[in-house]
N, C-alpha and C. Protein backbone atom coordinates (compact mmCIF):
# COMPACT_ATOMS: atom_id res chain seq x y z
N MET A 1 81.42 69.66 138.08
CA MET A 1 82.04 70.36 139.19
C MET A 1 83.15 71.28 138.71
N LEU A 2 83.99 70.81 137.79
CA LEU A 2 85.09 71.64 137.32
C LEU A 2 84.63 72.72 136.35
N THR A 3 83.53 72.50 135.65
CA THR A 3 83.11 73.46 134.65
C THR A 3 82.96 74.84 135.23
N CYS A 4 82.26 74.96 136.34
CA CYS A 4 82.08 76.28 136.96
C CYS A 4 83.37 76.75 137.59
N LEU A 5 84.11 75.84 138.20
CA LEU A 5 85.34 76.21 138.88
C LEU A 5 86.33 76.88 137.95
N LEU A 6 86.41 76.42 136.72
CA LEU A 6 87.42 76.91 135.82
C LEU A 6 87.08 78.27 135.23
N VAL A 7 85.90 78.77 135.50
CA VAL A 7 85.55 80.12 135.12
C VAL A 7 85.78 80.98 136.35
N ALA A 8 86.75 81.87 136.30
CA ALA A 8 87.17 82.62 137.48
C ALA A 8 86.00 83.35 138.11
N GLY A 9 85.90 83.22 139.42
CA GLY A 9 84.91 83.97 140.17
C GLY A 9 83.53 83.39 140.18
N CYS A 10 83.35 82.13 139.79
CA CYS A 10 82.01 81.57 139.70
C CYS A 10 81.47 81.16 141.06
N GLY A 11 82.31 81.09 142.07
CA GLY A 11 81.82 80.76 143.41
C GLY A 11 81.61 79.28 143.62
N ALA A 12 82.24 78.43 142.85
CA ALA A 12 82.09 76.99 143.02
C ALA A 12 82.69 76.56 144.34
N PRO A 13 82.12 75.51 144.96
CA PRO A 13 82.68 75.05 146.23
C PRO A 13 84.08 74.48 146.02
N HIS A 14 84.91 74.63 147.02
CA HIS A 14 86.28 74.12 146.95
C HIS A 14 86.47 73.15 148.09
N ASP A 15 86.40 71.85 147.79
CA ASP A 15 86.55 70.83 148.80
C ASP A 15 87.97 70.85 149.33
N ALA A 16 88.13 70.40 150.58
CA ALA A 16 89.46 70.35 151.19
C ALA A 16 90.37 69.42 150.41
N ALA A 17 89.84 68.37 149.90
CA ALA A 17 90.64 67.43 149.11
C ALA A 17 89.69 66.58 148.28
N GLU A 18 90.20 65.96 147.27
CA GLU A 18 89.40 65.06 146.47
C GLU A 18 89.02 63.86 147.34
N LYS A 19 87.89 63.24 147.03
CA LYS A 19 87.42 62.12 147.82
C LYS A 19 88.38 60.93 147.79
N ARG A 20 88.90 60.62 146.62
CA ARG A 20 89.83 59.50 146.47
C ARG A 20 91.08 59.98 145.76
N PRO A 21 92.24 59.58 146.24
CA PRO A 21 93.44 59.93 145.48
C PRO A 21 93.44 59.22 144.13
N THR A 22 93.99 59.88 143.13
CA THR A 22 94.16 59.30 141.81
C THR A 22 95.53 58.64 141.77
N ARG A 23 95.66 57.64 140.94
CA ARG A 23 96.88 56.84 140.91
C ARG A 23 98.13 57.65 140.59
N ASP A 24 98.09 58.52 139.59
CA ASP A 24 99.28 59.27 139.21
C ASP A 24 98.91 60.65 138.68
N LEU A 25 99.91 61.51 138.57
CA LEU A 25 99.69 62.90 138.19
C LEU A 25 99.10 63.03 136.79
N GLU A 26 99.63 62.30 135.83
CA GLU A 26 99.13 62.42 134.45
C GLU A 26 97.66 62.02 134.36
N THR A 27 97.26 60.97 135.09
CA THR A 27 95.86 60.56 135.10
C THR A 27 95.00 61.65 135.72
N LEU A 28 95.48 62.26 136.80
CA LEU A 28 94.74 63.34 137.44
C LEU A 28 94.53 64.50 136.49
N VAL A 29 95.59 64.91 135.82
CA VAL A 29 95.49 66.02 134.86
C VAL A 29 94.50 65.67 133.76
N ARG A 30 94.64 64.50 133.20
CA ARG A 30 93.78 64.08 132.09
C ARG A 30 92.32 63.96 132.51
N ASN A 31 92.05 63.35 133.68
CA ASN A 31 90.68 63.06 134.08
C ASN A 31 90.00 64.15 134.88
N GLU A 32 90.76 64.89 135.67
CA GLU A 32 90.14 65.86 136.58
C GLU A 32 90.29 67.31 136.14
N ILE A 33 91.39 67.64 135.50
CA ILE A 33 91.66 69.05 135.20
C ILE A 33 91.40 69.37 133.73
N ALA A 34 91.85 68.53 132.83
CA ALA A 34 91.72 68.83 131.40
C ALA A 34 90.91 67.75 130.67
N SER A 35 89.92 67.19 131.36
CA SER A 35 89.17 66.09 130.76
C SER A 35 88.39 66.52 129.52
N ASP A 36 88.00 67.77 129.46
CA ASP A 36 87.25 68.27 128.32
C ASP A 36 88.07 69.26 127.52
N GLU A 37 89.32 68.90 127.24
CA GLU A 37 90.24 69.83 126.57
C GLU A 37 89.64 70.41 125.30
N GLU A 38 88.98 69.56 124.50
CA GLU A 38 88.39 70.08 123.27
C GLU A 38 87.28 71.07 123.57
N ASP A 39 86.51 70.82 124.64
CA ASP A 39 85.44 71.75 125.00
C ASP A 39 86.00 73.06 125.52
N TRP A 40 87.18 73.03 126.15
CA TRP A 40 87.75 74.23 126.72
C TRP A 40 88.54 75.03 125.70
N SER A 41 88.97 74.39 124.62
CA SER A 41 89.61 75.15 123.55
C SER A 41 88.51 75.88 122.81
N GLY A 42 88.82 76.96 122.18
CA GLY A 42 87.77 77.70 121.50
C GLY A 42 88.32 78.71 120.54
N ASP A 43 87.41 79.44 119.92
CA ASP A 43 87.81 80.48 118.99
C ASP A 43 88.02 81.78 119.73
N GLY A 44 89.16 82.38 119.51
CA GLY A 44 89.47 83.67 120.10
C GLY A 44 89.28 84.76 119.08
N LEU A 45 89.63 85.95 119.46
CA LEU A 45 89.49 87.10 118.59
C LEU A 45 90.28 86.93 117.30
N PHE A 46 91.44 86.29 117.37
CA PHE A 46 92.30 86.15 116.21
C PHE A 46 92.41 84.70 115.72
N GLY A 47 91.46 83.85 116.08
CA GLY A 47 91.49 82.46 115.63
C GLY A 47 91.40 81.50 116.79
N PRO A 48 91.63 80.21 116.51
CA PRO A 48 91.50 79.19 117.55
C PRO A 48 92.49 79.42 118.70
N VAL A 49 92.04 79.10 119.90
CA VAL A 49 92.88 79.20 121.09
C VAL A 49 93.01 77.81 121.68
N LYS A 50 94.25 77.38 121.91
CA LYS A 50 94.51 76.04 122.42
C LYS A 50 94.71 76.08 123.93
N LEU A 51 94.23 75.02 124.58
CA LEU A 51 94.46 74.86 126.01
C LEU A 51 95.93 74.55 126.25
N ASN A 52 96.54 75.25 127.19
CA ASN A 52 97.92 75.01 127.60
C ASN A 52 97.92 74.66 129.08
N ILE A 53 98.84 73.81 129.49
CA ILE A 53 98.94 73.44 130.89
C ILE A 53 100.40 73.58 131.33
N LEU A 54 100.64 74.43 132.33
CA LEU A 54 101.97 74.56 132.92
C LEU A 54 102.00 73.72 134.19
N LYS A 55 103.10 73.00 134.41
CA LYS A 55 103.27 72.20 135.61
C LYS A 55 104.65 72.46 136.18
N ALA A 56 104.74 72.47 137.53
CA ALA A 56 106.04 72.63 138.19
C ALA A 56 106.01 71.93 139.53
N SER A 57 107.06 71.18 139.82
CA SER A 57 107.22 70.58 141.14
C SER A 57 107.71 71.66 142.11
N VAL A 58 107.26 71.57 143.36
CA VAL A 58 107.70 72.50 144.38
C VAL A 58 108.88 71.83 145.09
N PRO A 59 110.10 72.38 144.96
CA PRO A 59 111.29 71.74 145.53
C PRO A 59 111.14 71.44 147.02
N GLY A 60 111.56 70.23 147.42
CA GLY A 60 111.54 69.84 148.82
C GLY A 60 110.19 69.43 149.37
N THR A 61 109.19 69.31 148.49
CA THR A 61 107.84 68.93 148.93
C THR A 61 107.32 67.82 148.03
N ALA A 62 106.13 67.32 148.36
CA ALA A 62 105.44 66.34 147.51
C ALA A 62 104.36 67.05 146.69
N LEU A 63 104.55 68.35 146.44
CA LEU A 63 103.54 69.16 145.76
C LEU A 63 103.92 69.44 144.31
N THR A 64 102.89 69.53 143.48
CA THR A 64 103.03 69.97 142.09
C THR A 64 102.00 71.06 141.86
N LEU A 65 102.41 72.13 141.19
CA LEU A 65 101.49 73.19 140.80
C LEU A 65 101.08 72.97 139.35
N ILE A 66 99.79 73.13 139.07
CA ILE A 66 99.27 72.96 137.71
C ILE A 66 98.44 74.19 137.39
N TYR A 67 98.76 74.82 136.25
CA TYR A 67 98.09 76.06 135.84
C TYR A 67 97.62 75.92 134.40
N PRO A 68 96.35 75.51 134.19
CA PRO A 68 95.83 75.46 132.83
C PRO A 68 95.43 76.87 132.37
N TYR A 69 95.79 77.22 131.16
CA TYR A 69 95.39 78.54 130.64
C TYR A 69 95.14 78.43 129.14
N GLY A 70 94.44 79.43 128.63
CA GLY A 70 94.08 79.45 127.22
C GLY A 70 92.68 78.90 127.03
N GLY A 71 92.22 78.95 125.81
CA GLY A 71 90.87 78.48 125.53
C GLY A 71 89.87 79.25 126.37
N ARG A 72 88.91 78.52 126.92
CA ARG A 72 87.88 79.15 127.74
C ARG A 72 88.08 78.87 129.23
N MET A 73 89.30 78.53 129.63
CA MET A 73 89.54 78.13 131.02
C MET A 73 89.78 79.31 131.95
N CYS A 74 89.91 80.50 131.42
CA CYS A 74 90.24 81.65 132.26
C CYS A 74 89.19 82.74 132.08
N GLY A 75 89.07 83.56 133.11
CA GLY A 75 88.21 84.72 133.03
C GLY A 75 89.06 85.97 133.07
N SER A 76 88.42 87.12 133.19
CA SER A 76 89.16 88.37 133.19
C SER A 76 90.04 88.52 134.43
N GLY A 77 89.74 87.79 135.50
CA GLY A 77 90.54 87.87 136.72
C GLY A 77 91.70 86.91 136.75
N GLY A 78 91.79 86.01 135.78
CA GLY A 78 92.89 85.05 135.75
C GLY A 78 92.38 83.64 135.55
N CYS A 79 93.23 82.68 135.85
CA CYS A 79 92.92 81.26 135.66
C CYS A 79 92.98 80.55 137.01
N SER A 80 92.66 79.28 137.02
CA SER A 80 92.72 78.50 138.26
C SER A 80 94.08 77.85 138.43
N LEU A 81 94.58 77.90 139.65
CA LEU A 81 95.82 77.24 140.03
C LEU A 81 95.46 76.02 140.85
N PHE A 82 95.97 74.86 140.44
CA PHE A 82 95.73 73.61 141.18
C PHE A 82 97.00 73.24 141.93
N VAL A 83 96.86 72.91 143.21
CA VAL A 83 97.97 72.40 144.00
C VAL A 83 97.66 70.92 144.24
N VAL A 84 98.58 70.07 143.79
CA VAL A 84 98.38 68.63 143.87
C VAL A 84 99.43 68.05 144.82
N GLU A 85 98.99 67.17 145.71
CA GLU A 85 99.89 66.52 146.66
C GLU A 85 99.97 65.03 146.36
N GLN A 86 101.19 64.50 146.40
CA GLN A 86 101.39 63.07 146.17
C GLN A 86 101.79 62.41 147.48
N ASN A 87 101.17 61.24 147.76
CA ASN A 87 101.57 60.43 148.91
C ASN A 87 101.52 58.96 148.49
N ASP A 88 101.62 58.06 149.46
CA ASP A 88 101.67 56.64 149.13
C ASP A 88 100.40 56.14 148.44
N ASP A 89 99.27 56.80 148.68
CA ASP A 89 98.00 56.39 148.08
C ASP A 89 97.79 56.92 146.67
N GLY A 90 98.58 57.89 146.25
CA GLY A 90 98.42 58.48 144.93
C GLY A 90 98.51 60.00 145.01
N VAL A 91 97.78 60.69 144.14
CA VAL A 91 97.80 62.15 144.11
C VAL A 91 96.38 62.67 144.32
N ARG A 92 96.28 63.84 144.95
CA ARG A 92 94.98 64.46 145.16
C ARG A 92 95.14 65.97 145.11
N ILE A 93 94.08 66.64 144.73
CA ILE A 93 94.07 68.09 144.65
C ILE A 93 93.81 68.64 146.05
N ILE A 94 94.72 69.49 146.55
CA ILE A 94 94.52 70.12 147.87
C ILE A 94 94.35 71.63 147.73
N GLY A 95 94.30 72.12 146.52
CA GLY A 95 94.06 73.54 146.29
C GLY A 95 93.57 73.78 144.88
N ARG A 96 92.47 74.52 144.78
CA ARG A 96 91.93 74.99 143.50
C ARG A 96 91.65 76.46 143.70
N THR A 97 92.59 77.28 143.33
CA THR A 97 92.47 78.71 143.58
C THR A 97 92.14 79.43 142.29
N ALA A 98 90.98 80.09 142.25
CA ALA A 98 90.53 80.82 141.07
C ALA A 98 91.13 82.22 141.06
N GLN A 99 91.10 82.86 139.92
CA GLN A 99 91.51 84.25 139.71
C GLN A 99 93.00 84.46 139.98
N VAL A 100 93.82 83.56 139.47
CA VAL A 100 95.26 83.63 139.65
C VAL A 100 95.92 84.07 138.35
N LEU A 101 96.85 85.01 138.47
CA LEU A 101 97.71 85.40 137.36
C LEU A 101 99.14 85.05 137.72
N LEU A 102 99.92 84.70 136.74
CA LEU A 102 101.32 84.34 136.95
C LEU A 102 102.17 85.59 137.08
N PRO A 103 103.34 85.49 137.69
CA PRO A 103 104.02 84.29 138.16
C PRO A 103 103.53 83.85 139.53
N VAL A 104 103.75 82.55 139.83
CA VAL A 104 103.50 81.98 141.15
C VAL A 104 104.87 81.85 141.82
N LYS A 105 104.97 82.38 143.05
CA LYS A 105 106.23 82.32 143.79
C LYS A 105 106.03 81.54 145.09
N ARG A 106 107.12 80.89 145.52
CA ARG A 106 107.16 80.32 146.86
C ARG A 106 107.74 81.41 147.76
N VAL A 107 106.99 81.78 148.80
CA VAL A 107 107.43 82.85 149.69
C VAL A 107 107.61 82.30 151.10
N ALA A 108 108.29 83.06 151.95
CA ALA A 108 108.51 82.65 153.33
C ALA A 108 107.18 82.45 154.03
N GLY A 109 107.11 81.41 154.83
CA GLY A 109 105.90 81.13 155.59
C GLY A 109 105.37 79.74 155.27
N GLY A 110 104.48 79.28 156.10
CA GLY A 110 103.92 77.95 155.94
C GLY A 110 104.89 76.91 156.49
N SER A 111 104.60 75.66 156.20
CA SER A 111 105.46 74.58 156.67
C SER A 111 106.33 74.10 155.52
N SER A 112 107.27 73.23 155.83
CA SER A 112 108.12 72.70 154.76
C SER A 112 107.31 71.83 153.80
N ALA A 113 106.29 71.15 154.30
CA ALA A 113 105.46 70.30 153.44
C ALA A 113 104.42 71.12 152.66
N HIS A 114 103.94 72.22 153.24
CA HIS A 114 102.90 73.04 152.63
C HIS A 114 103.30 74.52 152.72
N PRO A 115 104.22 74.95 151.85
CA PRO A 115 104.69 76.34 151.92
C PRO A 115 103.63 77.32 151.45
N ASP A 116 103.86 78.59 151.77
CA ASP A 116 103.00 79.66 151.27
C ASP A 116 103.44 80.02 149.85
N PHE A 117 102.47 80.44 149.05
CA PHE A 117 102.73 80.88 147.69
C PHE A 117 102.22 82.30 147.54
N SER A 118 102.78 83.03 146.58
CA SER A 118 102.21 84.32 146.23
C SER A 118 101.82 84.29 144.76
N VAL A 119 100.71 84.95 144.46
CA VAL A 119 100.22 85.04 143.09
C VAL A 119 99.85 86.49 142.81
N PHE A 120 99.75 86.83 141.56
CA PHE A 120 99.39 88.17 141.14
C PHE A 120 97.88 88.24 140.98
N LEU A 121 97.30 89.34 141.38
CA LEU A 121 95.86 89.55 141.32
C LEU A 121 95.61 90.94 140.75
N ARG A 122 94.67 91.04 139.85
CA ARG A 122 94.30 92.37 139.35
C ARG A 122 92.78 92.45 139.30
N GLY A 123 92.30 93.67 139.29
CA GLY A 123 90.87 93.88 139.27
C GLY A 123 90.41 94.56 140.54
N TYR A 124 89.13 94.70 140.69
CA TYR A 124 88.54 95.33 141.86
C TYR A 124 89.11 96.73 142.07
N GLY A 125 89.31 97.46 140.97
CA GLY A 125 89.79 98.83 141.05
C GLY A 125 91.28 98.96 141.26
N GLU A 126 92.01 97.85 141.24
CA GLU A 126 93.45 97.91 141.45
C GLU A 126 94.17 97.57 140.15
N LEU A 127 95.35 98.16 139.99
CA LEU A 127 96.16 97.83 138.82
C LEU A 127 96.83 96.49 138.96
N GLY A 128 97.09 96.07 140.16
CA GLY A 128 97.70 94.77 140.39
C GLY A 128 98.34 94.70 141.76
N THR A 129 98.27 93.55 142.36
CA THR A 129 98.86 93.34 143.66
C THR A 129 99.19 91.86 143.82
N ARG A 130 100.07 91.57 144.76
CA ARG A 130 100.41 90.19 145.10
C ARG A 130 99.64 89.79 146.34
N VAL A 131 99.16 88.55 146.36
CA VAL A 131 98.49 88.02 147.54
C VAL A 131 99.16 86.72 147.95
N ARG A 132 99.08 86.44 149.25
CA ARG A 132 99.64 85.22 149.82
C ARG A 132 98.56 84.15 149.89
N LEU A 133 98.90 82.95 149.45
CA LEU A 133 98.04 81.79 149.59
C LEU A 133 98.68 80.87 150.62
N ALA A 134 98.04 80.74 151.78
CA ALA A 134 98.57 79.92 152.88
C ALA A 134 97.71 78.68 153.04
N TYR A 135 98.36 77.57 153.33
CA TYR A 135 97.69 76.30 153.56
C TYR A 135 97.05 76.33 154.95
N ALA A 136 95.76 76.02 155.01
CA ALA A 136 95.05 76.00 156.30
C ALA A 136 93.87 75.04 156.18
N ALA A 137 93.60 74.33 157.24
CA ALA A 137 92.46 73.41 157.31
C ALA A 137 92.46 72.40 156.15
N GLY A 138 93.65 71.93 155.77
CA GLY A 138 93.74 70.88 154.77
C GLY A 138 93.68 71.33 153.33
N ARG A 139 93.77 72.65 153.08
CA ARG A 139 93.70 73.11 151.69
C ARG A 139 94.30 74.50 151.55
N TYR A 140 94.50 74.89 150.30
CA TYR A 140 94.87 76.26 149.95
C TYR A 140 93.58 77.02 149.62
N PRO A 141 93.57 78.36 149.71
CA PRO A 141 92.34 79.13 149.47
C PRO A 141 91.73 78.88 148.10
N GLY A 142 90.42 79.01 148.02
CA GLY A 142 89.70 78.78 146.78
C GLY A 142 89.67 79.97 145.84
N ASN A 143 89.90 81.18 146.34
CA ASN A 143 89.84 82.36 145.49
C ASN A 143 90.91 83.35 145.96
N ALA A 144 91.77 83.75 145.06
CA ALA A 144 92.89 84.63 145.41
C ALA A 144 92.43 86.03 145.82
N SER A 145 91.20 86.40 145.52
CA SER A 145 90.74 87.74 145.85
C SER A 145 89.94 87.80 147.15
N LEU A 146 89.76 86.65 147.81
CA LEU A 146 88.96 86.60 149.03
C LEU A 146 89.77 86.02 150.18
N PRO A 147 89.44 86.39 151.45
CA PRO A 147 90.10 85.76 152.60
C PRO A 147 89.87 84.25 152.54
N PRO A 148 90.83 83.43 152.97
CA PRO A 148 91.98 83.76 153.79
C PRO A 148 93.20 84.24 153.01
N ALA A 149 93.13 84.32 151.67
CA ALA A 149 94.25 84.92 150.93
C ALA A 149 94.37 86.37 151.38
N HIS A 150 95.60 86.86 151.52
CA HIS A 150 95.74 88.26 151.93
C HIS A 150 96.87 88.94 151.19
N ARG A 151 96.76 90.25 151.10
CA ARG A 151 97.66 91.09 150.31
C ARG A 151 99.07 91.11 150.91
N LEU A 152 100.05 91.09 150.03
CA LEU A 152 101.44 91.27 150.44
C LEU A 152 101.81 92.73 150.23
N PRO A 153 102.69 93.28 151.06
CA PRO A 153 103.01 94.70 150.96
C PRO A 153 103.72 95.12 149.68
N ASP A 154 104.41 94.19 149.02
CA ASP A 154 105.10 94.53 147.79
C ASP A 154 105.21 93.26 146.93
N ASP A 155 105.92 93.36 145.84
CA ASP A 155 106.09 92.19 144.97
C ASP A 155 106.77 91.06 145.72
N GLY A 156 107.62 91.39 146.66
CA GLY A 156 108.22 90.40 147.54
C GLY A 156 109.25 89.51 146.89
N ASP A 157 110.08 88.99 147.76
CA ASP A 157 111.05 88.01 147.32
C ASP A 157 110.37 86.66 147.25
N GLY A 158 111.01 85.77 146.58
CA GLY A 158 110.49 84.41 146.52
C GLY A 158 110.99 83.71 145.28
N LEU A 159 110.97 82.42 145.35
CA LEU A 159 111.38 81.58 144.23
C LEU A 159 110.24 81.47 143.22
N VAL A 160 110.48 81.88 141.98
CA VAL A 160 109.45 81.77 140.94
C VAL A 160 109.31 80.30 140.56
N LEU A 161 108.11 79.78 140.73
CA LEU A 161 107.83 78.38 140.42
C LEU A 161 107.15 78.21 139.08
N LEU A 162 106.25 79.12 138.76
CA LEU A 162 105.53 79.07 137.49
C LEU A 162 105.48 80.46 136.90
N ASP A 163 105.72 80.55 135.60
CA ASP A 163 105.58 81.81 134.88
C ASP A 163 105.22 81.47 133.45
N TYR A 164 104.65 82.43 132.74
CA TYR A 164 104.33 82.20 131.34
C TYR A 164 105.60 81.92 130.56
N PRO A 165 105.56 81.01 129.60
CA PRO A 165 106.74 80.78 128.76
C PRO A 165 107.13 82.06 128.02
N ARG A 166 108.40 82.30 127.92
CA ARG A 166 108.90 83.47 127.20
C ARG A 166 109.03 83.15 125.73
N ALA A 167 108.58 84.06 124.92
CA ALA A 167 108.72 83.90 123.47
C ALA A 167 110.18 84.10 123.10
N THR A 168 110.67 83.29 122.21
CA THR A 168 112.05 83.45 121.75
C THR A 168 112.05 83.84 120.29
N SER A 169 112.96 84.71 119.93
CA SER A 169 113.06 85.10 118.53
C SER A 169 114.27 84.38 117.91
N GLN A 170 114.15 84.12 116.63
CA GLN A 170 115.23 83.40 115.96
C GLN A 170 115.77 84.20 114.83
């Protein structure tokens, strides 16, 4: 199920939520998102490419954003963004959005428990634009380039939750 999902734009189904909550976040990441880490790592143009996983808690919510990138997990349109919710039963994925580029911002809108996010999108004849991902019907959108995700008029304000690590020089 995840194999196709992790290739941007493959059209894999996006369930509203996982069937059973997983006990904890690390188990979910290991078993559901990066279970085949060695298979997803691969040779790039300049040598081996390692799978990287960025994680960030969303302040004031029970949500965690997970963005695996590198290796073979991304396509030309971006990578998949996972939104994970924790409750008394454990953690479950409530969003698997394909074709996402960083940074991910929390923007005005949505509820306090399920805020709206904005992500960067490129392709389809555009140099780049921001789109809003809103929680609806128990999940976040499955593809950042398709409705119900919709374009924002500008880069917009918002709290940056996830961004690529900055290289530091010494």
